[in-house]
Amino acid sequence: MTLGIKLLLVFIAFLTVLTVVIGMAFRERKRAREIPEGDLAAQQAADGRVLLTVFSAIIGGMLLTLLTAWLVFF
């Protein structure tokens, strides 16, 4: 497998992570409109799901960066 194909696979993985995060954020935003204003527990749960997804994606991006560096330099 050539370096170009390997980097293309890493790029596709990056786009997949990005798509999941954006989709999750928009889905939670839509759900947040349906939560009554007084339901603090539901609002906090929605915020927690978004934060978990975003921070998981950050760690995934860091791992993709390490994978890219390993593919290019080794």
Protein backbone atom coordinates (compact mmCIF):
# COMPACT_ATOMS: atom_id res chain seq x y z
CA MET A 1 0.00 0.00 0.00
CA THR A 2 1.44 3.35 -0.98
CA LEU A 3 1.78 6.34 1.31
CA GLY A 4 -0.89 8.22 -0.63
CA ILE A 5 -3.47 5.49 -0.05
CA LYS A 6 -2.60 5.29 3.65
CA LEU A 7 -2.99 9.06 4.03
CA LEU A 8 -6.26 8.93 2.10
CA LEU A 9 -7.56 6.37 4.62
CA VAL A 10 -6.51 8.63 7.51
CA PHE A 11 -8.27 11.57 5.82
CA ILE A 12 -11.44 9.51 5.40
CA ALA A 13 -11.26 8.56 9.09
CA PHE A 14 -10.90 12.24 9.97
CA LEU A 15 -13.94 13.15 7.88
CA THR A 16 -15.90 10.36 9.56
CA VAL A 17 -15.06 11.67 13.04
CA LEU A 18 -15.95 15.20 11.96
CA THR A 19 -19.27 14.08 10.48
CA VAL A 20 -20.23 12.20 13.64
CA VAL A 21 -19.44 15.18 15.87
CA ILE A 22 -21.36 17.66 13.71
CA GLY A 23 -24.32 15.30 13.38
CA MET A 24 -24.42 14.69 17.12
CA ALA A 25 -24.23 18.40 17.92
CA PHE A 26 -27.08 19.27 15.57
CA ARG A 27 -29.20 16.37 16.82
CA GLU A 28 -28.72 17.42 20.45
CA ARG A 29 -29.47 21.02 19.54
CA LYS A 30 -32.75 19.94 18.00
CA ARG A 31 -33.59 17.85 21.08
CA ALA A 32 -32.68 20.73 23.41
CA ARG A 33 -35.49 22.81 21.92
CA GLU A 34 -37.98 20.15 23.02
CA ILE A 35 -36.79 20.11 26.65
CA PRO A 36 -38.94 22.22 28.98
CA GLU A 37 -37.11 25.20 30.46
CA GLY A 38 -37.53 23.98 34.02
CA ASP A 39 -36.07 20.51 33.42
CA LEU A 40 -32.51 21.16 34.52
CA ALA A 41 -31.54 17.48 34.68
CA ALA A 42 -32.48 16.89 31.03
CA GLN A 43 -30.58 20.01 29.95
CA GLN A 44 -27.49 18.89 31.83
CA ALA A 45 -27.74 15.39 30.35
CA ALA A 46 -27.93 16.85 26.82
CA ASP A 47 -24.92 19.06 27.51
CA GLY A 48 -23.02 16.08 28.89
CA ARG A 49 -23.66 14.02 25.76
CA VAL A 50 -22.42 16.82 23.52
CA LEU A 51 -19.30 17.37 25.64
CA LEU A 52 -18.54 13.65 25.73
CA THR A 53 -18.80 13.44 21.96
CA VAL A 54 -16.65 16.53 21.37
CA PHE A 55 -13.89 15.49 23.76
CA SER A 56 -13.90 11.93 22.44
CA ALA A 57 -13.47 13.37 18.95
CA ILE A 58 -10.55 15.48 20.16
CA ILE A 59 -8.79 12.37 21.45
CA GLY A 60 -9.64 10.58 18.20
CA GLY A 61 -8.11 13.46 16.25
CA MET A 62 -4.95 13.26 18.33
CA LEU A 63 -4.69 9.54 17.60
CA LEU A 64 -5.19 10.22 13.89
CA THR A 65 -2.36 12.79 14.09
CA LEU A 66 -0.06 10.19 15.64
CA LEU A 67 -1.08 7.67 12.99
CA THR A 68 -0.35 10.18 10.24
CA ALA A 69 3.07 10.98 11.68
CA TRP A 70 3.87 7.29 11.98
CA LEU A 71 2.79 6.65 8.36
CA VAL A 72 4.86 9.53 7.01
CA PHE A 73 8.04 9.12 9.01
CA PHE A 74 8.32 5.35 9.53
